Amino acid sequence: MVDKELILKKLSEIEEHLQELEEFKDISIDDYRKDWKIQRIVERTLQILIEICIDVANHIISDEKWRIPSSYSETFKILYENRVIDDELFKNLEKMAKFRNIIVHNYDKISPEVMVNILKKDLIDFLRFKDSIITWIHNK
């Protein structure tokens, strides 16, 4: 049985971290590029957001006894296969999970253009994830 209280607590953390990123949403690429502190705050907070989504997905997968994911990105595929999230959100979260690996393992320098684009356009996916999970829980 899904631990609704635990999942809802984690989902509330999404909103907290999105609030933290709010002050950086209008940053220019040049300003982002010049300030390593902003880069660190944004990258780490984005990593935390992605990991919260992965944690929630893994809790649901485990509690529902669905197949075991072989990667972080596959956790979202399993949610999609079981109609917890839609196709568009799955594809976006799959990319975010792969991007998380770039942040964590620092495979190469992260492009300021990519980060600013995420700040301006992609943070909504975390709210969509939260809403999808809440809808799924209520329909269970």
N, C-alpha and C. Protein backbone atom coordinates (compact mmCIF):
# COMPACT_ATOMS: atom_id res chain seq x y z
N MET A 1 0.84 -1.18 0.00
CA MET A 1 0.00 0.00 0.00
C MET A 1 0.89 1.25 0.00
N VAL A 2 0.54 2.21 -0.81
CA VAL A 2 1.31 3.44 -0.95
C VAL A 2 1.20 4.27 0.33
N ASP A 3 2.36 4.71 0.81
CA ASP A 3 2.41 5.58 1.99
C ASP A 3 2.09 7.01 1.54
N LYS A 4 0.81 7.34 1.56
CA LYS A 4 0.35 8.64 1.04
C LYS A 4 0.98 9.80 1.80
N GLU A 5 1.10 9.66 3.10
CA GLU A 5 1.66 10.74 3.92
C GLU A 5 3.11 11.04 3.51
N LEU A 6 3.88 10.01 3.32
CA LEU A 6 5.28 10.18 2.90
C LEU A 6 5.36 10.84 1.53
N ILE A 7 4.55 10.37 0.60
CA ILE A 7 4.57 10.92 -0.75
C ILE A 7 4.12 12.38 -0.74
N LEU A 8 3.08 12.69 -0.01
CA LEU A 8 2.61 14.08 0.05
C LEU A 8 3.64 15.00 0.70
N LYS A 9 4.38 14.49 1.68
CA LYS A 9 5.45 15.28 2.30
C LYS A 9 6.53 15.60 1.25
N LYS A 10 6.91 14.59 0.50
CA LYS A 10 7.93 14.79 -0.54
C LYS A 10 7.42 15.75 -1.62
N LEU A 11 6.17 15.62 -1.98
CA LEU A 11 5.61 16.52 -2.99
C LEU A 11 5.58 17.96 -2.51
N SER A 12 5.38 18.16 -1.21
CA SER A 12 5.40 19.53 -0.69
C SER A 12 6.81 20.13 -0.79
N GLU A 13 7.81 19.29 -0.73
CA GLU A 13 9.20 19.76 -0.88
C GLU A 13 9.45 20.30 -2.29
N ILE A 14 8.73 19.77 -3.26
CA ILE A 14 8.87 20.28 -4.63
C ILE A 14 8.53 21.78 -4.66
N GLU A 15 7.42 22.13 -4.04
CA GLU A 15 7.02 23.54 -4.03
C GLU A 15 8.05 24.40 -3.31
N GLU A 16 8.60 23.91 -2.21
CA GLU A 16 9.61 24.67 -1.47
C GLU A 16 10.83 24.96 -2.36
N HIS A 17 11.30 23.96 -3.06
CA HIS A 17 12.49 24.13 -3.89
C HIS A 17 12.20 24.98 -5.13
N LEU A 18 11.01 24.88 -5.65
CA LEU A 18 10.65 25.75 -6.77
C LEU A 18 10.62 27.21 -6.33
N GLN A 19 10.15 27.45 -5.10
CA GLN A 19 10.17 28.81 -4.55
C GLN A 19 11.61 29.33 -4.47
N GLU A 20 12.52 28.47 -4.07
CA GLU A 20 13.93 28.87 -3.99
C GLU A 20 14.47 29.26 -5.36
N LEU A 21 14.04 28.58 -6.39
CA LEU A 21 14.52 28.89 -7.74
C LEU A 21 13.82 30.10 -8.36
N GLU A 22 12.70 30.48 -7.79
CA GLU A 22 11.91 31.57 -8.34
C GLU A 22 12.73 32.86 -8.54
N GLU A 23 13.60 33.17 -7.62
CA GLU A 23 14.36 34.42 -7.74
C GLU A 23 15.36 34.40 -8.88
N PHE A 24 15.61 33.24 -9.46
CA PHE A 24 16.57 33.13 -10.56
C PHE A 24 15.91 32.97 -11.92
N LYS A 25 14.58 32.95 -11.97
CA LYS A 25 13.87 32.69 -13.22
C LYS A 25 14.12 33.72 -14.30
N ASP A 26 14.41 34.94 -13.91
CA ASP A 26 14.60 36.00 -14.89
C ASP A 26 16.07 36.34 -15.14
N ILE A 27 16.95 35.48 -14.68
CA ILE A 27 18.38 35.74 -14.83
C ILE A 27 18.80 35.66 -16.30
N SER A 28 19.72 36.49 -16.69
CA SER A 28 20.25 36.42 -18.06
C SER A 28 21.32 35.35 -18.14
N ILE A 29 21.58 34.91 -19.34
CA ILE A 29 22.63 33.92 -19.56
C ILE A 29 23.98 34.47 -19.11
N ASP A 30 24.24 35.72 -19.41
CA ASP A 30 25.51 36.33 -19.01
C ASP A 30 25.65 36.40 -17.49
N ASP A 31 24.60 36.81 -16.82
CA ASP A 31 24.66 36.87 -15.35
C ASP A 31 24.84 35.48 -14.75
N TYR A 32 24.17 34.51 -15.32
CA TYR A 32 24.32 33.13 -14.85
C TYR A 32 25.76 32.65 -15.06
N ARG A 33 26.28 32.92 -16.22
CA ARG A 33 27.63 32.49 -16.58
C ARG A 33 28.68 33.10 -15.64
N LYS A 34 28.47 34.32 -15.22
CA LYS A 34 29.46 35.06 -14.42
C LYS A 34 29.47 34.69 -12.93
N ASP A 35 28.42 34.09 -12.43
CA ASP A 35 28.29 33.91 -10.98
C ASP A 35 28.25 32.43 -10.61
N TRP A 36 29.38 31.93 -10.13
CA TRP A 36 29.47 30.51 -9.80
C TRP A 36 28.55 30.14 -8.63
N LYS A 37 28.26 31.10 -7.76
CA LYS A 37 27.38 30.81 -6.63
C LYS A 37 25.95 30.56 -7.12
N ILE A 38 25.51 31.38 -8.04
CA ILE A 38 24.18 31.16 -8.61
C ILE A 38 24.15 29.82 -9.34
N GLN A 39 25.19 29.52 -10.09
CA GLN A 39 25.26 28.24 -10.80
C GLN A 39 25.12 27.09 -9.82
N ARG A 40 25.84 27.16 -8.73
CA ARG A 40 25.83 26.07 -7.74
C ARG A 40 24.45 25.94 -7.11
N ILE A 41 23.84 27.06 -6.75
CA ILE A 41 22.50 27.03 -6.13
C ILE A 41 21.48 26.42 -7.10
N VAL A 42 21.49 26.90 -8.33
CA VAL A 42 20.51 26.45 -9.31
C VAL A 42 20.72 24.97 -9.64
N GLU A 43 21.96 24.59 -9.91
CA GLU A 43 22.24 23.20 -10.28
C GLU A 43 21.90 22.25 -9.14
N ARG A 44 22.30 22.58 -7.93
CA ARG A 44 22.04 21.70 -6.79
C ARG A 44 20.54 21.62 -6.50
N THR A 45 19.84 22.74 -6.57
CA THR A 45 18.40 22.73 -6.30
C THR A 45 17.67 21.93 -7.38
N LEU A 46 18.10 22.07 -8.61
CA LEU A 46 17.50 21.28 -9.69
C LEU A 46 17.76 19.79 -9.46
N GLN A 47 18.95 19.45 -9.05
CA GLN A 47 19.28 18.05 -8.73
C GLN A 47 18.35 17.52 -7.64
N ILE A 48 18.16 18.31 -6.59
CA ILE A 48 17.28 17.90 -5.49
C ILE A 48 15.86 17.68 -6.00
N LEU A 49 15.36 18.59 -6.81
CA LEU A 49 14.01 18.45 -7.37
C LEU A 49 13.86 17.15 -8.16
N ILE A 50 14.84 16.87 -9.00
CA ILE A 50 14.79 15.64 -9.80
C ILE A 50 14.82 14.42 -8.88
N GLU A 51 15.67 14.47 -7.87
CA GLU A 51 15.77 13.33 -6.96
C GLU A 51 14.51 13.12 -6.13
N ILE A 52 13.82 14.20 -5.80
CA ILE A 52 12.53 14.05 -5.10
C ILE A 52 11.55 13.30 -6.00
N CYS A 53 11.50 13.68 -7.27
CA CYS A 53 10.60 13.00 -8.21
C CYS A 53 10.97 11.52 -8.36
N ILE A 54 12.26 11.24 -8.43
CA ILE A 54 12.72 9.85 -8.53
C ILE A 54 12.33 9.09 -7.27
N ASP A 55 12.51 9.70 -6.10
CA ASP A 55 12.14 9.05 -4.84
C ASP A 55 10.66 8.72 -4.80
N VAL A 56 9.84 9.68 -5.17
CA VAL A 56 8.39 9.45 -5.18
C VAL A 56 8.04 8.32 -6.15
N ALA A 57 8.62 8.37 -7.33
CA ALA A 57 8.37 7.32 -8.33
C ALA A 57 8.77 5.95 -7.78
N ASN A 58 9.94 5.88 -7.16
CA ASN A 58 10.41 4.60 -6.62
C ASN A 58 9.53 4.08 -5.49
N HIS A 59 9.02 4.97 -4.66
CA HIS A 59 8.10 4.55 -3.59
C HIS A 59 6.84 3.94 -4.19
N ILE A 60 6.29 4.61 -5.18
CA ILE A 60 5.08 4.09 -5.82
C ILE A 60 5.35 2.75 -6.49
N ILE A 61 6.43 2.68 -7.24
CA ILE A 61 6.78 1.45 -7.95
C ILE A 61 6.95 0.29 -6.97
N SER A 62 7.65 0.54 -5.88
CA SER A 62 7.88 -0.50 -4.88
C SER A 62 6.58 -0.92 -4.20
N ASP A 63 5.81 0.07 -3.77
CA ASP A 63 4.56 -0.24 -3.06
C ASP A 63 3.55 -0.95 -3.95
N GLU A 64 3.55 -0.61 -5.23
CA GLU A 64 2.62 -1.24 -6.17
C GLU A 64 3.16 -2.56 -6.73
N LYS A 65 4.40 -2.85 -6.40
CA LYS A 65 5.08 -4.07 -6.86
C LYS A 65 5.16 -4.14 -8.39
N TRP A 66 5.41 -2.98 -8.99
CA TRP A 66 5.64 -2.93 -10.42
C TRP A 66 7.08 -3.34 -10.69
N ARG A 67 7.43 -3.53 -11.93
CA ARG A 67 8.78 -3.99 -12.26
C ARG A 67 9.84 -3.02 -11.75
N ILE A 68 11.02 -3.54 -11.50
CA ILE A 68 12.11 -2.74 -10.94
C ILE A 68 12.80 -1.96 -12.05
N PRO A 69 12.95 -0.65 -11.87
CA PRO A 69 13.63 0.14 -12.91
C PRO A 69 15.13 -0.15 -12.93
N SER A 70 15.71 -0.05 -14.10
CA SER A 70 17.15 -0.29 -14.24
C SER A 70 17.94 1.02 -14.25
N SER A 71 17.22 2.15 -14.25
CA SER A 71 17.89 3.45 -14.24
C SER A 71 16.92 4.47 -13.65
N TYR A 72 17.45 5.64 -13.34
CA TYR A 72 16.59 6.70 -12.83
C TYR A 72 15.54 7.09 -13.86
N SER A 73 15.96 7.21 -15.11
CA SER A 73 15.00 7.62 -16.13
C SER A 73 13.91 6.57 -16.33
N GLU A 74 14.24 5.33 -16.10
CA GLU A 74 13.23 4.27 -16.28
C GLU A 74 12.14 4.32 -15.22
N THR A 75 12.43 4.94 -14.07
CA THR A 75 11.37 5.06 -13.05
C THR A 75 10.17 5.81 -13.63
N PHE A 76 10.46 6.82 -14.45
CA PHE A 76 9.37 7.59 -15.05
C PHE A 76 8.67 6.82 -16.16
N LYS A 77 9.42 5.95 -16.84
CA LYS A 77 8.80 5.10 -17.86
C LYS A 77 7.79 4.16 -17.21
N ILE A 78 8.15 3.64 -16.06
CA ILE A 78 7.24 2.72 -15.36
C ILE A 78 5.99 3.46 -14.90
N LEU A 79 6.15 4.69 -14.43
CA LEU A 79 4.96 5.47 -14.07
C LEU A 79 4.09 5.71 -15.30
N TYR A 80 4.71 5.99 -16.42
CA TYR A 80 3.97 6.20 -17.67
C TYR A 80 3.23 4.91 -18.08
N GLU A 81 3.93 3.79 -18.02
CA GLU A 81 3.33 2.50 -18.41
C GLU A 81 2.10 2.17 -17.55
N ASN A 82 2.11 2.65 -16.32
CA ASN A 82 1.01 2.37 -15.40
C ASN A 82 0.04 3.55 -15.27
N ARG A 83 0.11 4.45 -16.23
CA ARG A 83 -0.82 5.57 -16.38
C ARG A 83 -0.85 6.54 -15.18
N VAL A 84 0.31 6.69 -14.56
CA VAL A 84 0.43 7.67 -13.47
C VAL A 84 0.75 9.05 -14.06
N ILE A 85 1.60 9.06 -15.09
CA ILE A 85 1.94 10.30 -15.79
C ILE A 85 1.68 10.12 -17.28
N ASP A 86 1.50 11.23 -17.98
CA ASP A 86 1.23 11.15 -19.42
C ASP A 86 2.53 11.10 -20.22
N ASP A 87 2.40 10.89 -21.51
CA ASP A 87 3.54 10.71 -22.40
C ASP A 87 4.47 11.94 -22.42
N GLU A 88 3.89 13.12 -22.54
CA GLU A 88 4.72 14.33 -22.60
C GLU A 88 5.52 14.52 -21.32
N LEU A 89 4.87 14.34 -20.17
CA LEU A 89 5.56 14.49 -18.90
C LEU A 89 6.63 13.41 -18.74
N PHE A 90 6.32 12.19 -19.15
CA PHE A 90 7.31 11.12 -19.12
C PHE A 90 8.58 11.52 -19.88
N LYS A 91 8.41 11.99 -21.10
CA LYS A 91 9.57 12.36 -21.92
C LYS A 91 10.38 13.48 -21.28
N ASN A 92 9.69 14.47 -20.71
CA ASN A 92 10.39 15.58 -20.07
C ASN A 92 11.14 15.13 -18.81
N LEU A 93 10.49 14.29 -18.00
CA LEU A 93 11.14 13.81 -16.78
C LEU A 93 12.27 12.83 -17.09
N GLU A 94 12.12 12.07 -18.15
CA GLU A 94 13.19 11.18 -18.57
C GLU A 94 14.45 11.99 -18.90
N LYS A 95 14.26 13.10 -19.61
CA LYS A 95 15.40 13.98 -19.93
C LYS A 95 15.99 14.58 -18.66
N MET A 96 15.12 14.97 -17.73
CA MET A 96 15.60 15.55 -16.47
C MET A 96 16.43 14.53 -15.68
N ALA A 97 15.99 13.28 -15.66
CA ALA A 97 16.74 12.25 -14.93
C ALA A 97 18.13 12.07 -15.55
N LYS A 98 18.20 12.09 -16.86
CA LYS A 98 19.51 11.98 -17.52
C LYS A 98 20.35 13.22 -17.25
N PHE A 99 19.70 14.38 -17.20
CA PHE A 99 20.39 15.63 -16.91
C PHE A 99 20.93 15.62 -15.48
N ARG A 100 20.19 14.99 -14.57
CA ARG A 100 20.64 14.86 -13.18
C ARG A 100 22.00 14.17 -13.13
N ASN A 101 22.19 13.16 -13.96
CA ASN A 101 23.48 12.47 -13.99
C ASN A 101 24.61 13.39 -14.44
N ILE A 102 24.31 14.27 -15.36
CA ILE A 102 25.32 15.24 -15.81
C ILE A 102 25.68 16.17 -14.65
N ILE A 103 24.66 16.64 -13.94
CA ILE A 103 24.91 17.53 -12.80
C ILE A 103 25.76 16.82 -11.74
N VAL A 104 25.33 15.62 -11.36
CA VAL A 104 25.98 14.90 -10.26
C VAL A 104 27.40 14.48 -10.61
N HIS A 105 27.56 13.94 -11.79
CA HIS A 105 28.86 13.38 -12.16
C HIS A 105 29.75 14.36 -12.90
N ASN A 106 29.19 15.56 -13.14
CA ASN A 106 29.96 16.63 -13.77
C ASN A 106 30.71 16.14 -15.00
N TYR A 107 29.99 15.44 -15.87
CA TYR A 107 30.60 14.88 -17.06
C TYR A 107 31.29 15.95 -17.90
N ASP A 108 30.66 17.09 -17.98
CA ASP A 108 31.29 18.23 -18.64
C ASP A 108 30.61 19.49 -18.11
N LYS A 109 31.16 20.59 -18.46
CA LYS A 109 30.61 21.87 -17.99
C LYS A 109 29.17 22.01 -18.49
N ILE A 110 28.30 22.38 -17.59
CA ILE A 110 26.90 22.53 -17.95
C ILE A 110 26.70 23.89 -18.62
N SER A 111 26.06 23.86 -19.72
CA SER A 111 25.84 25.07 -20.51
C SER A 111 24.94 26.06 -19.78
N PRO A 112 25.39 27.31 -19.65
CA PRO A 112 24.53 28.33 -19.05
C PRO A 112 23.23 28.51 -19.83
N GLU A 113 23.29 28.36 -21.15
CA GLU A 113 22.08 28.47 -21.97
C GLU A 113 21.06 27.41 -21.60
N VAL A 114 21.54 26.20 -21.39
CA VAL A 114 20.64 25.11 -21.02
C VAL A 114 20.02 25.38 -19.65
N MET A 115 20.83 25.80 -18.70
CA MET A 115 20.32 26.03 -17.35
C MET A 115 19.30 27.17 -17.32
N VAL A 116 19.58 28.24 -18.01
CA VAL A 116 18.65 29.37 -18.03
C VAL A 116 17.36 28.96 -18.74
N ASN A 117 17.47 28.17 -19.78
CA ASN A 117 16.29 27.66 -20.47
C ASN A 117 15.43 26.81 -19.54
N ILE A 118 16.08 25.96 -18.76
CA ILE A 118 15.34 25.13 -17.79
C ILE A 118 14.62 26.03 -16.79
N LEU A 119 15.32 27.04 -16.29
CA LEU A 119 14.71 27.95 -15.32
C LEU A 119 13.49 28.66 -15.89
N LYS A 120 13.56 29.02 -17.15
CA LYS A 120 12.48 29.79 -17.77
C LYS A 120 11.32 28.93 -18.28
N LYS A 121 11.61 27.68 -18.69
CA LYS A 121 10.58 26.91 -19.39
C LYS A 121 10.22 25.56 -18.79
N ASP A 122 11.13 24.94 -18.06
CA ASP A 122 10.91 23.53 -17.70
C ASP A 122 10.52 23.27 -16.26
N LEU A 123 10.56 24.26 -15.40
CA LEU A 123 10.24 24.02 -13.99
C LEU A 123 8.78 23.62 -13.81
N ILE A 124 7.94 23.98 -14.74
CA ILE A 124 6.52 23.62 -14.69
C ILE A 124 6.33 22.10 -14.66
N ASP A 125 7.30 21.38 -15.22
CA ASP A 125 7.19 19.91 -15.24
C ASP A 125 7.18 19.32 -13.82
N PHE A 126 7.84 19.98 -12.89
CA PHE A 126 7.82 19.49 -11.51
C PHE A 126 6.43 19.66 -10.89
N LEU A 127 5.77 20.74 -11.21
CA LEU A 127 4.39 20.92 -10.73
C LEU A 127 3.44 19.95 -11.42
N ARG A 128 3.67 19.71 -12.70
CA ARG A 128 2.85 18.73 -13.42
C ARG A 128 3.02 17.34 -12.81
N PHE A 129 4.26 17.01 -12.45
CA PHE A 129 4.53 15.72 -11.80
C PHE A 129 3.76 15.64 -10.48
N LYS A 130 3.88 16.67 -9.67
CA LYS A 130 3.19 16.72 -8.38
C LYS A 130 1.69 16.54 -8.57
N ASP A 131 1.10 17.27 -9.50
CA ASP A 131 -0.34 17.17 -9.75
C ASP A 131 -0.73 15.78 -10.24
N SER A 132 0.10 15.18 -11.08
CA SER A 132 -0.19 13.84 -11.59
C SER A 132 -0.19 12.81 -10.46
N ILE A 133 0.77 12.93 -9.57
CA ILE A 133 0.86 11.99 -8.45
C ILE A 133 -0.34 12.16 -7.52
N ILE A 134 -0.69 13.39 -7.22
CA ILE A 134 -1.84 13.65 -6.35
C ILE A 134 -3.12 13.10 -6.99
N THR A 135 -3.30 13.32 -8.27
CA THR A 135 -4.47 12.78 -8.98
C THR A 135 -4.47 11.26 -8.90
N TRP A 136 -3.33 10.64 -9.14
CA TRP A 136 -3.23 9.18 -9.09
C TRP A 136 -3.59 8.66 -7.70
N ILE A 137 -3.06 9.31 -6.66
CA ILE A 137 -3.35 8.89 -5.27
C ILE A 137 -4.85 8.98 -5.00
N HIS A 138 -5.47 10.07 -5.42
CA HIS A 138 -6.91 10.25 -5.14
C HIS A 138 -7.78 9.27 -5.93
N ASN A 139 -7.29 8.81 -7.06
CA ASN A 139 -8.06 7.87 -7.89
C ASN A 139 -7.81 6.42 -7.52
N LYS A 140 -6.90 6.19 -6.61
CA LYS A 140 -6.56 4.81 -6.21
C LYS A 140 -7.61 4.20 -5.35
